[in-house]
Amino acid sequence: ATSGVAVDRSAEARERLRIALERW
């Protein structure tokens, strides 16, 4: 999520973060 912003993939990064945190 943090690095995804730097590589122009903020939407993908947000989605990956959302999925991971659903299990946290």
PDBML (XML) file of the C-alpha atoms, coordinates in Angstrom:
<?xml version="1.0" encoding="UTF-8" ?>
<PDBx:datablock datablockName="MODEL"
   xmlns:PDBx="http://pdbml.pdb.org/schema/pdbx-v50.xsd"
   xmlns:xsi="http://www.w3.org/2001/XMLSchema-instance"
   xsi:schemaLocation="http://pdbml.pdb.org/schema/pdbx-v50.xsd pdbx-v50.xsd">
   <PDBx:atom_siteCategory>
      <PDBx:atom_site id="1">
         <PDBx:B_iso_or_equiv>0.00</PDBx:B_iso_or_equiv>
         <PDBx:Cartn_x>0.000</PDBx:Cartn_x>
         <PDBx:Cartn_y>0.000</PDBx:Cartn_y>
         <PDBx:Cartn_z>0.000</PDBx:Cartn_z>
         <PDBx:auth_asym_id>A</PDBx:auth_asym_id>
         <PDBx:auth_atom_id>CA</PDBx:auth_atom_id>
         <PDBx:auth_comp_id>ALA</PDBx:auth_comp_id>
         <PDBx:auth_seq_id>1</PDBx:auth_seq_id>
         <PDBx:group_PDB>ATOM</PDBx:group_PDB>
         <PDBx:label_alt_id xsi:nil="true" />
         <PDBx:label_asym_id>A</PDBx:label_asym_id>
         <PDBx:label_atom_id>CA</PDBx:label_atom_id>
         <PDBx:label_comp_id>ALA</PDBx:label_comp_id>
         <PDBx:label_entity_id>1</PDBx:label_entity_id>
         <PDBx:label_seq_id>1</PDBx:label_seq_id>
         <PDBx:occupancy>1.00</PDBx:occupancy>
         <PDBx:pdbx_PDB_model_num>1</PDBx:pdbx_PDB_model_num>
         <PDBx:type_symbol>C</PDBx:type_symbol>
      </PDBx:atom_site>
      <PDBx:atom_site id="2">
         <PDBx:B_iso_or_equiv>0.00</PDBx:B_iso_or_equiv>
         <PDBx:Cartn_x>2.743</PDBx:Cartn_x>
         <PDBx:Cartn_y>2.471</PDBx:Cartn_y>
         <PDBx:Cartn_z>0.910</PDBx:Cartn_z>
         <PDBx:auth_asym_id>A</PDBx:auth_asym_id>
         <PDBx:auth_atom_id>CA</PDBx:auth_atom_id>
         <PDBx:auth_comp_id>THR</PDBx:auth_comp_id>
         <PDBx:auth_seq_id>2</PDBx:auth_seq_id>
         <PDBx:group_PDB>ATOM</PDBx:group_PDB>
         <PDBx:label_alt_id xsi:nil="true" />
         <PDBx:label_asym_id>A</PDBx:label_asym_id>
         <PDBx:label_atom_id>CA</PDBx:label_atom_id>
         <PDBx:label_comp_id>THR</PDBx:label_comp_id>
         <PDBx:label_entity_id>1</PDBx:label_entity_id>
         <PDBx:label_seq_id>2</PDBx:label_seq_id>
         <PDBx:occupancy>1.00</PDBx:occupancy>
         <PDBx:pdbx_PDB_model_num>1</PDBx:pdbx_PDB_model_num>
         <PDBx:type_symbol>C</PDBx:type_symbol>
      </PDBx:atom_site>
      <PDBx:atom_site id="3">
         <PDBx:B_iso_or_equiv>0.00</PDBx:B_iso_or_equiv>
         <PDBx:Cartn_x>4.956</PDBx:Cartn_x>
         <PDBx:Cartn_y>1.677</PDBx:Cartn_y>
         <PDBx:Cartn_z>-2.057</PDBx:Cartn_z>
         <PDBx:auth_asym_id>A</PDBx:auth_asym_id>
         <PDBx:auth_atom_id>CA</PDBx:auth_atom_id>
         <PDBx:auth_comp_id>SER</PDBx:auth_comp_id>
         <PDBx:auth_seq_id>3</PDBx:auth_seq_id>
         <PDBx:group_PDB>ATOM</PDBx:group_PDB>
         <PDBx:label_alt_id xsi:nil="true" />
         <PDBx:label_asym_id>A</PDBx:label_asym_id>
         <PDBx:label_atom_id>CA</PDBx:label_atom_id>
         <PDBx:label_comp_id>SER</PDBx:label_comp_id>
         <PDBx:label_entity_id>1</PDBx:label_entity_id>
         <PDBx:label_seq_id>3</PDBx:label_seq_id>
         <PDBx:occupancy>1.00</PDBx:occupancy>
         <PDBx:pdbx_PDB_model_num>1</PDBx:pdbx_PDB_model_num>
         <PDBx:type_symbol>C</PDBx:type_symbol>
      </PDBx:atom_site>
      <PDBx:atom_site id="4">
         <PDBx:B_iso_or_equiv>0.00</PDBx:B_iso_or_equiv>
         <PDBx:Cartn_x>2.003</PDBx:Cartn_x>
         <PDBx:Cartn_y>1.281</PDBx:Cartn_y>
         <PDBx:Cartn_z>-4.433</PDBx:Cartn_z>
         <PDBx:auth_asym_id>A</PDBx:auth_asym_id>
         <PDBx:auth_atom_id>CA</PDBx:auth_atom_id>
         <PDBx:auth_comp_id>GLY</PDBx:auth_comp_id>
         <PDBx:auth_seq_id>4</PDBx:auth_seq_id>
         <PDBx:group_PDB>ATOM</PDBx:group_PDB>
         <PDBx:label_alt_id xsi:nil="true" />
         <PDBx:label_asym_id>A</PDBx:label_asym_id>
         <PDBx:label_atom_id>CA</PDBx:label_atom_id>
         <PDBx:label_comp_id>GLY</PDBx:label_comp_id>
         <PDBx:label_entity_id>1</PDBx:label_entity_id>
         <PDBx:label_seq_id>4</PDBx:label_seq_id>
         <PDBx:occupancy>1.00</PDBx:occupancy>
         <PDBx:pdbx_PDB_model_num>1</PDBx:pdbx_PDB_model_num>
         <PDBx:type_symbol>C</PDBx:type_symbol>
      </PDBx:atom_site>
      <PDBx:atom_site id="5">
         <PDBx:B_iso_or_equiv>0.00</PDBx:B_iso_or_equiv>
         <PDBx:Cartn_x>1.445</PDBx:Cartn_x>
         <PDBx:Cartn_y>5.010</PDBx:Cartn_y>
         <PDBx:Cartn_z>-4.252</PDBx:Cartn_z>
         <PDBx:auth_asym_id>A</PDBx:auth_asym_id>
         <PDBx:auth_atom_id>CA</PDBx:auth_atom_id>
         <PDBx:auth_comp_id>VAL</PDBx:auth_comp_id>
         <PDBx:auth_seq_id>5</PDBx:auth_seq_id>
         <PDBx:group_PDB>ATOM</PDBx:group_PDB>
         <PDBx:label_alt_id xsi:nil="true" />
         <PDBx:label_asym_id>A</PDBx:label_asym_id>
         <PDBx:label_atom_id>CA</PDBx:label_atom_id>
         <PDBx:label_comp_id>VAL</PDBx:label_comp_id>
         <PDBx:label_entity_id>1</PDBx:label_entity_id>
         <PDBx:label_seq_id>5</PDBx:label_seq_id>
         <PDBx:occupancy>1.00</PDBx:occupancy>
         <PDBx:pdbx_PDB_model_num>1</PDBx:pdbx_PDB_model_num>
         <PDBx:type_symbol>C</PDBx:type_symbol>
      </PDBx:atom_site>
      <PDBx:atom_site id="6">
         <PDBx:B_iso_or_equiv>0.00</PDBx:B_iso_or_equiv>
         <PDBx:Cartn_x>5.039</PDBx:Cartn_x>
         <PDBx:Cartn_y>5.594</PDBx:Cartn_y>
         <PDBx:Cartn_z>-5.366</PDBx:Cartn_z>
         <PDBx:auth_asym_id>A</PDBx:auth_asym_id>
         <PDBx:auth_atom_id>CA</PDBx:auth_atom_id>
         <PDBx:auth_comp_id>ALA</PDBx:auth_comp_id>
         <PDBx:auth_seq_id>6</PDBx:auth_seq_id>
         <PDBx:group_PDB>ATOM</PDBx:group_PDB>
         <PDBx:label_alt_id xsi:nil="true" />
         <PDBx:label_asym_id>A</PDBx:label_asym_id>
         <PDBx:label_atom_id>CA</PDBx:label_atom_id>
         <PDBx:label_comp_id>ALA</PDBx:label_comp_id>
         <PDBx:label_entity_id>1</PDBx:label_entity_id>
         <PDBx:label_seq_id>6</PDBx:label_seq_id>
         <PDBx:occupancy>1.00</PDBx:occupancy>
         <PDBx:pdbx_PDB_model_num>1</PDBx:pdbx_PDB_model_num>
         <PDBx:type_symbol>C</PDBx:type_symbol>
      </PDBx:atom_site>
      <PDBx:atom_site id="7">
         <PDBx:B_iso_or_equiv>0.00</PDBx:B_iso_or_equiv>
         <PDBx:Cartn_x>4.701</PDBx:Cartn_x>
         <PDBx:Cartn_y>3.260</PDBx:Cartn_y>
         <PDBx:Cartn_z>-8.350</PDBx:Cartn_z>
         <PDBx:auth_asym_id>A</PDBx:auth_asym_id>
         <PDBx:auth_atom_id>CA</PDBx:auth_atom_id>
         <PDBx:auth_comp_id>VAL</PDBx:auth_comp_id>
         <PDBx:auth_seq_id>7</PDBx:auth_seq_id>
         <PDBx:group_PDB>ATOM</PDBx:group_PDB>
         <PDBx:label_alt_id xsi:nil="true" />
         <PDBx:label_asym_id>A</PDBx:label_asym_id>
         <PDBx:label_atom_id>CA</PDBx:label_atom_id>
         <PDBx:label_comp_id>VAL</PDBx:label_comp_id>
         <PDBx:label_entity_id>1</PDBx:label_entity_id>
         <PDBx:label_seq_id>7</PDBx:label_seq_id>
         <PDBx:occupancy>1.00</PDBx:occupancy>
         <PDBx:pdbx_PDB_model_num>1</PDBx:pdbx_PDB_model_num>
         <PDBx:type_symbol>C</PDBx:type_symbol>
      </PDBx:atom_site>
      <PDBx:atom_site id="8">
         <PDBx:B_iso_or_equiv>0.00</PDBx:B_iso_or_equiv>
         <PDBx:Cartn_x>1.367</PDBx:Cartn_x>
         <PDBx:Cartn_y>4.725</PDBx:Cartn_y>
         <PDBx:Cartn_z>-9.494</PDBx:Cartn_z>
         <PDBx:auth_asym_id>A</PDBx:auth_asym_id>
         <PDBx:auth_atom_id>CA</PDBx:auth_atom_id>
         <PDBx:auth_comp_id>ASP</PDBx:auth_comp_id>
         <PDBx:auth_seq_id>8</PDBx:auth_seq_id>
         <PDBx:group_PDB>ATOM</PDBx:group_PDB>
         <PDBx:label_alt_id xsi:nil="true" />
         <PDBx:label_asym_id>A</PDBx:label_asym_id>
         <PDBx:label_atom_id>CA</PDBx:label_atom_id>
         <PDBx:label_comp_id>ASP</PDBx:label_comp_id>
         <PDBx:label_entity_id>1</PDBx:label_entity_id>
         <PDBx:label_seq_id>8</PDBx:label_seq_id>
         <PDBx:occupancy>1.00</PDBx:occupancy>
         <PDBx:pdbx_PDB_model_num>1</PDBx:pdbx_PDB_model_num>
         <PDBx:type_symbol>C</PDBx:type_symbol>
      </PDBx:atom_site>
      <PDBx:atom_site id="9">
         <PDBx:B_iso_or_equiv>0.00</PDBx:B_iso_or_equiv>
         <PDBx:Cartn_x>-0.808</PDBx:Cartn_x>
         <PDBx:Cartn_y>1.872</PDBx:Cartn_y>
         <PDBx:Cartn_z>-8.244</PDBx:Cartn_z>
         <PDBx:auth_asym_id>A</PDBx:auth_asym_id>
         <PDBx:auth_atom_id>CA</PDBx:auth_atom_id>
         <PDBx:auth_comp_id>ARG</PDBx:auth_comp_id>
         <PDBx:auth_seq_id>9</PDBx:auth_seq_id>
         <PDBx:group_PDB>ATOM</PDBx:group_PDB>
         <PDBx:label_alt_id xsi:nil="true" />
         <PDBx:label_asym_id>A</PDBx:label_asym_id>
         <PDBx:label_atom_id>CA</PDBx:label_atom_id>
         <PDBx:label_comp_id>ARG</PDBx:label_comp_id>
         <PDBx:label_entity_id>1</PDBx:label_entity_id>
         <PDBx:label_seq_id>9</PDBx:label_seq_id>
         <PDBx:occupancy>1.00</PDBx:occupancy>
         <PDBx:pdbx_PDB_model_num>1</PDBx:pdbx_PDB_model_num>
         <PDBx:type_symbol>C</PDBx:type_symbol>
      </PDBx:atom_site>
      <PDBx:atom_site id="10">
         <PDBx:B_iso_or_equiv>0.00</PDBx:B_iso_or_equiv>
         <PDBx:Cartn_x>-2.749</PDBx:Cartn_x>
         <PDBx:Cartn_y>3.477</PDBx:Cartn_y>
         <PDBx:Cartn_z>-5.424</PDBx:Cartn_z>
         <PDBx:auth_asym_id>A</PDBx:auth_asym_id>
         <PDBx:auth_atom_id>CA</PDBx:auth_atom_id>
         <PDBx:auth_comp_id>SER</PDBx:auth_comp_id>
         <PDBx:auth_seq_id>10</PDBx:auth_seq_id>
         <PDBx:group_PDB>ATOM</PDBx:group_PDB>
         <PDBx:label_alt_id xsi:nil="true" />
         <PDBx:label_asym_id>A</PDBx:label_asym_id>
         <PDBx:label_atom_id>CA</PDBx:label_atom_id>
         <PDBx:label_comp_id>SER</PDBx:label_comp_id>
         <PDBx:label_entity_id>1</PDBx:label_entity_id>
         <PDBx:label_seq_id>10</PDBx:label_seq_id>
         <PDBx:occupancy>1.00</PDBx:occupancy>
         <PDBx:pdbx_PDB_model_num>1</PDBx:pdbx_PDB_model_num>
         <PDBx:type_symbol>C</PDBx:type_symbol>
      </PDBx:atom_site>
      <PDBx:atom_site id="11">
         <PDBx:B_iso_or_equiv>0.00</PDBx:B_iso_or_equiv>
         <PDBx:Cartn_x>-6.091</PDBx:Cartn_x>
         <PDBx:Cartn_y>1.817</PDBx:Cartn_y>
         <PDBx:Cartn_z>-6.243</PDBx:Cartn_z>
         <PDBx:auth_asym_id>A</PDBx:auth_asym_id>
         <PDBx:auth_atom_id>CA</PDBx:auth_atom_id>
         <PDBx:auth_comp_id>ALA</PDBx:auth_comp_id>
         <PDBx:auth_seq_id>11</PDBx:auth_seq_id>
         <PDBx:group_PDB>ATOM</PDBx:group_PDB>
         <PDBx:label_alt_id xsi:nil="true" />
         <PDBx:label_asym_id>A</PDBx:label_asym_id>
         <PDBx:label_atom_id>CA</PDBx:label_atom_id>
         <PDBx:label_comp_id>ALA</PDBx:label_comp_id>
         <PDBx:label_entity_id>1</PDBx:label_entity_id>
         <PDBx:label_seq_id>11</PDBx:label_seq_id>
         <PDBx:occupancy>1.00</PDBx:occupancy>
         <PDBx:pdbx_PDB_model_num>1</PDBx:pdbx_PDB_model_num>
         <PDBx:type_symbol>C</PDBx:type_symbol>
      </PDBx:atom_site>
      <PDBx:atom_site id="12">
         <PDBx:B_iso_or_equiv>0.00</PDBx:B_iso_or_equiv>
         <PDBx:Cartn_x>-4.527</PDBx:Cartn_x>
         <PDBx:Cartn_y>-1.650</PDBx:Cartn_y>
         <PDBx:Cartn_z>-6.323</PDBx:Cartn_z>
         <PDBx:auth_asym_id>A</PDBx:auth_asym_id>
         <PDBx:auth_atom_id>CA</PDBx:auth_atom_id>
         <PDBx:auth_comp_id>GLU</PDBx:auth_comp_id>
         <PDBx:auth_seq_id>12</PDBx:auth_seq_id>
         <PDBx:group_PDB>ATOM</PDBx:group_PDB>
         <PDBx:label_alt_id xsi:nil="true" />
         <PDBx:label_asym_id>A</PDBx:label_asym_id>
         <PDBx:label_atom_id>CA</PDBx:label_atom_id>
         <PDBx:label_comp_id>GLU</PDBx:label_comp_id>
         <PDBx:label_entity_id>1</PDBx:label_entity_id>
         <PDBx:label_seq_id>12</PDBx:label_seq_id>
         <PDBx:occupancy>1.00</PDBx:occupancy>
         <PDBx:pdbx_PDB_model_num>1</PDBx:pdbx_PDB_model_num>
         <PDBx:type_symbol>C</PDBx:type_symbol>
      </PDBx:atom_site>
      <PDBx:atom_site id="13">
         <PDBx:B_iso_or_equiv>0.00</PDBx:B_iso_or_equiv>
         <PDBx:Cartn_x>-2.609</PDBx:Cartn_x>
         <PDBx:Cartn_y>-0.886</PDBx:Cartn_y>
         <PDBx:Cartn_z>-3.137</PDBx:Cartn_z>
         <PDBx:auth_asym_id>A</PDBx:auth_asym_id>
         <PDBx:auth_atom_id>CA</PDBx:auth_atom_id>
         <PDBx:auth_comp_id>ALA</PDBx:auth_comp_id>
         <PDBx:auth_seq_id>13</PDBx:auth_seq_id>
         <PDBx:group_PDB>ATOM</PDBx:group_PDB>
         <PDBx:label_alt_id xsi:nil="true" />
         <PDBx:label_asym_id>A</PDBx:label_asym_id>
         <PDBx:label_atom_id>CA</PDBx:label_atom_id>
         <PDBx:label_comp_id>ALA</PDBx:label_comp_id>
         <PDBx:label_entity_id>1</PDBx:label_entity_id>
         <PDBx:label_seq_id>13</PDBx:label_seq_id>
         <PDBx:occupancy>1.00</PDBx:occupancy>
         <PDBx:pdbx_PDB_model_num>1</PDBx:pdbx_PDB_model_num>
         <PDBx:type_symbol>C</PDBx:type_symbol>
      </PDBx:atom_site>
      <PDBx:atom_site id="14">
         <PDBx:B_iso_or_equiv>0.00</PDBx:B_iso_or_equiv>
         <PDBx:Cartn_x>-5.769</PDBx:Cartn_x>
         <PDBx:Cartn_y>0.209</PDBx:Cartn_y>
         <PDBx:Cartn_z>-1.323</PDBx:Cartn_z>
         <PDBx:auth_asym_id>A</PDBx:auth_asym_id>
         <PDBx:auth_atom_id>CA</PDBx:auth_atom_id>
         <PDBx:auth_comp_id>ARG</PDBx:auth_comp_id>
         <PDBx:auth_seq_id>14</PDBx:auth_seq_id>
         <PDBx:group_PDB>ATOM</PDBx:group_PDB>
         <PDBx:label_alt_id xsi:nil="true" />
         <PDBx:label_asym_id>A</PDBx:label_asym_id>
         <PDBx:label_atom_id>CA</PDBx:label_atom_id>
         <PDBx:label_comp_id>ARG</PDBx:label_comp_id>
         <PDBx:label_entity_id>1</PDBx:label_entity_id>
         <PDBx:label_seq_id>14</PDBx:label_seq_id>
         <PDBx:occupancy>1.00</PDBx:occupancy>
         <PDBx:pdbx_PDB_model_num>1</PDBx:pdbx_PDB_model_num>
         <PDBx:type_symbol>C</PDBx:type_symbol>
      </PDBx:atom_site>
      <PDBx:atom_site id="15">
         <PDBx:B_iso_or_equiv>0.00</PDBx:B_iso_or_equiv>
         <PDBx:Cartn_x>-7.579</PDBx:Cartn_x>
         <PDBx:Cartn_y>-2.959</PDBx:Cartn_y>
         <PDBx:Cartn_z>-2.379</PDBx:Cartn_z>
         <PDBx:auth_asym_id>A</PDBx:auth_asym_id>
         <PDBx:auth_atom_id>CA</PDBx:auth_atom_id>
         <PDBx:auth_comp_id>GLU</PDBx:auth_comp_id>
         <PDBx:auth_seq_id>15</PDBx:auth_seq_id>
         <PDBx:group_PDB>ATOM</PDBx:group_PDB>
         <PDBx:label_alt_id xsi:nil="true" />
         <PDBx:label_asym_id>A</PDBx:label_asym_id>
         <PDBx:label_atom_id>CA</PDBx:label_atom_id>
         <PDBx:label_comp_id>GLU</PDBx:label_comp_id>
         <PDBx:label_entity_id>1</PDBx:label_entity_id>
         <PDBx:label_seq_id>15</PDBx:label_seq_id>
         <PDBx:occupancy>1.00</PDBx:occupancy>
         <PDBx:pdbx_PDB_model_num>1</PDBx:pdbx_PDB_model_num>
         <PDBx:type_symbol>C</PDBx:type_symbol>
      </PDBx:atom_site>
      <PDBx:atom_site id="16">
         <PDBx:B_iso_or_equiv>0.00</PDBx:B_iso_or_equiv>
         <PDBx:Cartn_x>-4.744</PDBx:Cartn_x>
         <PDBx:Cartn_y>-5.227</PDBx:Cartn_y>
         <PDBx:Cartn_z>-1.217</PDBx:Cartn_z>
         <PDBx:auth_asym_id>A</PDBx:auth_asym_id>
         <PDBx:auth_atom_id>CA</PDBx:auth_atom_id>
         <PDBx:auth_comp_id>ARG</PDBx:auth_comp_id>
         <PDBx:auth_seq_id>16</PDBx:auth_seq_id>
         <PDBx:group_PDB>ATOM</PDBx:group_PDB>
         <PDBx:label_alt_id xsi:nil="true" />
         <PDBx:label_asym_id>A</PDBx:label_asym_id>
         <PDBx:label_atom_id>CA</PDBx:label_atom_id>
         <PDBx:label_comp_id>ARG</PDBx:label_comp_id>
         <PDBx:label_entity_id>1</PDBx:label_entity_id>
         <PDBx:label_seq_id>16</PDBx:label_seq_id>
         <PDBx:occupancy>1.00</PDBx:occupancy>
         <PDBx:pdbx_PDB_model_num>1</PDBx:pdbx_PDB_model_num>
         <PDBx:type_symbol>C</PDBx:type_symbol>
      </PDBx:atom_site>
      <PDBx:atom_site id="17">
         <PDBx:B_iso_or_equiv>0.00</PDBx:B_iso_or_equiv>
         <PDBx:Cartn_x>-4.681</PDBx:Cartn_x>
         <PDBx:Cartn_y>-3.407</PDBx:Cartn_y>
         <PDBx:Cartn_z>2.099</PDBx:Cartn_z>
         <PDBx:auth_asym_id>A</PDBx:auth_asym_id>
         <PDBx:auth_atom_id>CA</PDBx:auth_atom_id>
         <PDBx:auth_comp_id>LEU</PDBx:auth_comp_id>
         <PDBx:auth_seq_id>17</PDBx:auth_seq_id>
         <PDBx:group_PDB>ATOM</PDBx:group_PDB>
         <PDBx:label_alt_id xsi:nil="true" />
         <PDBx:label_asym_id>A</PDBx:label_asym_id>
         <PDBx:label_atom_id>CA</PDBx:label_atom_id>
         <PDBx:label_comp_id>LEU</PDBx:label_comp_id>
         <PDBx:label_entity_id>1</PDBx:label_entity_id>
         <PDBx:label_seq_id>17</PDBx:label_seq_id>
         <PDBx:occupancy>1.00</PDBx:occupancy>
         <PDBx:pdbx_PDB_model_num>1</PDBx:pdbx_PDB_model_num>
         <PDBx:type_symbol>C</PDBx:type_symbol>
      </PDBx:atom_site>
      <PDBx:atom_site id="18">
         <PDBx:B_iso_or_equiv>0.00</PDBx:B_iso_or_equiv>
         <PDBx:Cartn_x>-8.444</PDBx:Cartn_x>
         <PDBx:Cartn_y>-3.704</PDBx:Cartn_y>
         <PDBx:Cartn_z>2.523</PDBx:Cartn_z>
         <PDBx:auth_asym_id>A</PDBx:auth_asym_id>
         <PDBx:auth_atom_id>CA</PDBx:auth_atom_id>
         <PDBx:auth_comp_id>ARG</PDBx:auth_comp_id>
         <PDBx:auth_seq_id>18</PDBx:auth_seq_id>
         <PDBx:group_PDB>ATOM</PDBx:group_PDB>
         <PDBx:label_alt_id xsi:nil="true" />
         <PDBx:label_asym_id>A</PDBx:label_asym_id>
         <PDBx:label_atom_id>CA</PDBx:label_atom_id>
         <PDBx:label_comp_id>ARG</PDBx:label_comp_id>
         <PDBx:label_entity_id>1</PDBx:label_entity_id>
         <PDBx:label_seq_id>18</PDBx:label_seq_id>
         <PDBx:occupancy>1.00</PDBx:occupancy>
         <PDBx:pdbx_PDB_model_num>1</PDBx:pdbx_PDB_model_num>
         <PDBx:type_symbol>C</PDBx:type_symbol>
      </PDBx:atom_site>
      <PDBx:atom_site id="19">
         <PDBx:B_iso_or_equiv>0.00</PDBx:B_iso_or_equiv>
         <PDBx:Cartn_x>-8.386</PDBx:Cartn_x>
         <PDBx:Cartn_y>-7.446</PDBx:Cartn_y>
         <PDBx:Cartn_z>1.910</PDBx:Cartn_z>
         <PDBx:auth_asym_id>A</PDBx:auth_asym_id>
         <PDBx:auth_atom_id>CA</PDBx:auth_atom_id>
         <PDBx:auth_comp_id>ILE</PDBx:auth_comp_id>
         <PDBx:auth_seq_id>19</PDBx:auth_seq_id>
         <PDBx:group_PDB>ATOM</PDBx:group_PDB>
         <PDBx:label_alt_id xsi:nil="true" />
         <PDBx:label_asym_id>A</PDBx:label_asym_id>
         <PDBx:label_atom_id>CA</PDBx:label_atom_id>
         <PDBx:label_comp_id>ILE</PDBx:label_comp_id>
         <PDBx:label_entity_id>1</PDBx:label_entity_id>
         <PDBx:label_seq_id>19</PDBx:label_seq_id>
         <PDBx:occupancy>1.00</PDBx:occupancy>
         <PDBx:pdbx_PDB_model_num>1</PDBx:pdbx_PDB_model_num>
         <PDBx:type_symbol>C</PDBx:type_symbol>
      </PDBx:atom_site>
      <PDBx:atom_site id="20">
         <PDBx:B_iso_or_equiv>0.00</PDBx:B_iso_or_equiv>
         <PDBx:Cartn_x>-5.493</PDBx:Cartn_x>
         <PDBx:Cartn_y>-8.041</PDBx:Cartn_y>
         <PDBx:Cartn_z>4.292</PDBx:Cartn_z>
         <PDBx:auth_asym_id>A</PDBx:auth_asym_id>
         <PDBx:auth_atom_id>CA</PDBx:auth_atom_id>
         <PDBx:auth_comp_id>ALA</PDBx:auth_comp_id>
         <PDBx:auth_seq_id>20</PDBx:auth_seq_id>
         <PDBx:group_PDB>ATOM</PDBx:group_PDB>
         <PDBx:label_alt_id xsi:nil="true" />
         <PDBx:label_asym_id>A</PDBx:label_asym_id>
         <PDBx:label_atom_id>CA</PDBx:label_atom_id>
         <PDBx:label_comp_id>ALA</PDBx:label_comp_id>
         <PDBx:label_entity_id>1</PDBx:label_entity_id>
         <PDBx:label_seq_id>20</PDBx:label_seq_id>
         <PDBx:occupancy>1.00</PDBx:occupancy>
         <PDBx:pdbx_PDB_model_num>1</PDBx:pdbx_PDB_model_num>
         <PDBx:type_symbol>C</PDBx:type_symbol>
      </PDBx:atom_site>
      <PDBx:atom_site id="21">
         <PDBx:B_iso_or_equiv>0.00</PDBx:B_iso_or_equiv>
         <PDBx:Cartn_x>-7.040</PDBx:Cartn_x>
         <PDBx:Cartn_y>-5.964</PDBx:Cartn_y>
         <PDBx:Cartn_z>7.072</PDBx:Cartn_z>
         <PDBx:auth_asym_id>A</PDBx:auth_asym_id>
         <PDBx:auth_atom_id>CA</PDBx:auth_atom_id>
         <PDBx:auth_comp_id>LEU</PDBx:auth_comp_id>
         <PDBx:auth_seq_id>21</PDBx:auth_seq_id>
         <PDBx:group_PDB>ATOM</PDBx:group_PDB>
         <PDBx:label_alt_id xsi:nil="true" />
         <PDBx:label_asym_id>A</PDBx:label_asym_id>
         <PDBx:label_atom_id>CA</PDBx:label_atom_id>
         <PDBx:label_comp_id>LEU</PDBx:label_comp_id>
         <PDBx:label_entity_id>1</PDBx:label_entity_id>
         <PDBx:label_seq_id>21</PDBx:label_seq_id>
         <PDBx:occupancy>1.00</PDBx:occupancy>
         <PDBx:pdbx_PDB_model_num>1</PDBx:pdbx_PDB_model_num>
         <PDBx:type_symbol>C</PDBx:type_symbol>
      </PDBx:atom_site>
      <PDBx:atom_site id="22">
         <PDBx:B_iso_or_equiv>0.00</PDBx:B_iso_or_equiv>
         <PDBx:Cartn_x>-10.354</PDBx:Cartn_x>
         <PDBx:Cartn_y>-7.802</PDBx:Cartn_y>
         <PDBx:Cartn_z>6.794</PDBx:Cartn_z>
         <PDBx:auth_asym_id>A</PDBx:auth_asym_id>
         <PDBx:auth_atom_id>CA</PDBx:auth_atom_id>
         <PDBx:auth_comp_id>GLU</PDBx:auth_comp_id>
         <PDBx:auth_seq_id>22</PDBx:auth_seq_id>
         <PDBx:group_PDB>ATOM</PDBx:group_PDB>
         <PDBx:label_alt_id xsi:nil="true" />
         <PDBx:label_asym_id>A</PDBx:label_asym_id>
         <PDBx:label_atom_id>CA</PDBx:label_atom_id>
         <PDBx:label_comp_id>GLU</PDBx:label_comp_id>
         <PDBx:label_entity_id>1</PDBx:label_entity_id>
         <PDBx:label_seq_id>22</PDBx:label_seq_id>
         <PDBx:occupancy>1.00</PDBx:occupancy>
         <PDBx:pdbx_PDB_model_num>1</PDBx:pdbx_PDB_model_num>
         <PDBx:type_symbol>C</PDBx:type_symbol>
      </PDBx:atom_site>
      <PDBx:atom_site id="23">
         <PDBx:B_iso_or_equiv>0.00</PDBx:B_iso_or_equiv>
         <PDBx:Cartn_x>-8.495</PDBx:Cartn_x>
         <PDBx:Cartn_y>-10.767</PDBx:Cartn_y>
         <PDBx:Cartn_z>8.270</PDBx:Cartn_z>
         <PDBx:auth_asym_id>A</PDBx:auth_asym_id>
         <PDBx:auth_atom_id>CA</PDBx:auth_atom_id>
         <PDBx:auth_comp_id>ARG</PDBx:auth_comp_id>
         <PDBx:auth_seq_id>23</PDBx:auth_seq_id>
         <PDBx:group_PDB>ATOM</PDBx:group_PDB>
         <PDBx:label_alt_id xsi:nil="true" />
         <PDBx:label_asym_id>A</PDBx:label_asym_id>
         <PDBx:label_atom_id>CA</PDBx:label_atom_id>
         <PDBx:label_comp_id>ARG</PDBx:label_comp_id>
         <PDBx:label_entity_id>1</PDBx:label_entity_id>
         <PDBx:label_seq_id>23</PDBx:label_seq_id>
         <PDBx:occupancy>1.00</PDBx:occupancy>
         <PDBx:pdbx_PDB_model_num>1</PDBx:pdbx_PDB_model_num>
         <PDBx:type_symbol>C</PDBx:type_symbol>
      </PDBx:atom_site>
      <PDBx:atom_site id="24">
         <PDBx:B_iso_or_equiv>0.00</PDBx:B_iso_or_equiv>
         <PDBx:Cartn_x>-6.793</PDBx:Cartn_x>
         <PDBx:Cartn_y>-8.686</PDBx:Cartn_y>
         <PDBx:Cartn_z>10.989</PDBx:Cartn_z>
         <PDBx:auth_asym_id>A</PDBx:auth_asym_id>
         <PDBx:auth_atom_id>CA</PDBx:auth_atom_id>
         <PDBx:auth_comp_id>TRP</PDBx:auth_comp_id>
         <PDBx:auth_seq_id>24</PDBx:auth_seq_id>
         <PDBx:group_PDB>ATOM</PDBx:group_PDB>
         <PDBx:label_alt_id xsi:nil="true" />
         <PDBx:label_asym_id>A</PDBx:label_asym_id>
         <PDBx:label_atom_id>CA</PDBx:label_atom_id>
         <PDBx:label_comp_id>TRP</PDBx:label_comp_id>
         <PDBx:label_entity_id>1</PDBx:label_entity_id>
         <PDBx:label_seq_id>24</PDBx:label_seq_id>
         <PDBx:occupancy>1.00</PDBx:occupancy>
         <PDBx:pdbx_PDB_model_num>1</PDBx:pdbx_PDB_model_num>
         <PDBx:type_symbol>C</PDBx:type_symbol>
      </PDBx:atom_site>
   </PDBx:atom_siteCategory>
</PDBx:datablock>
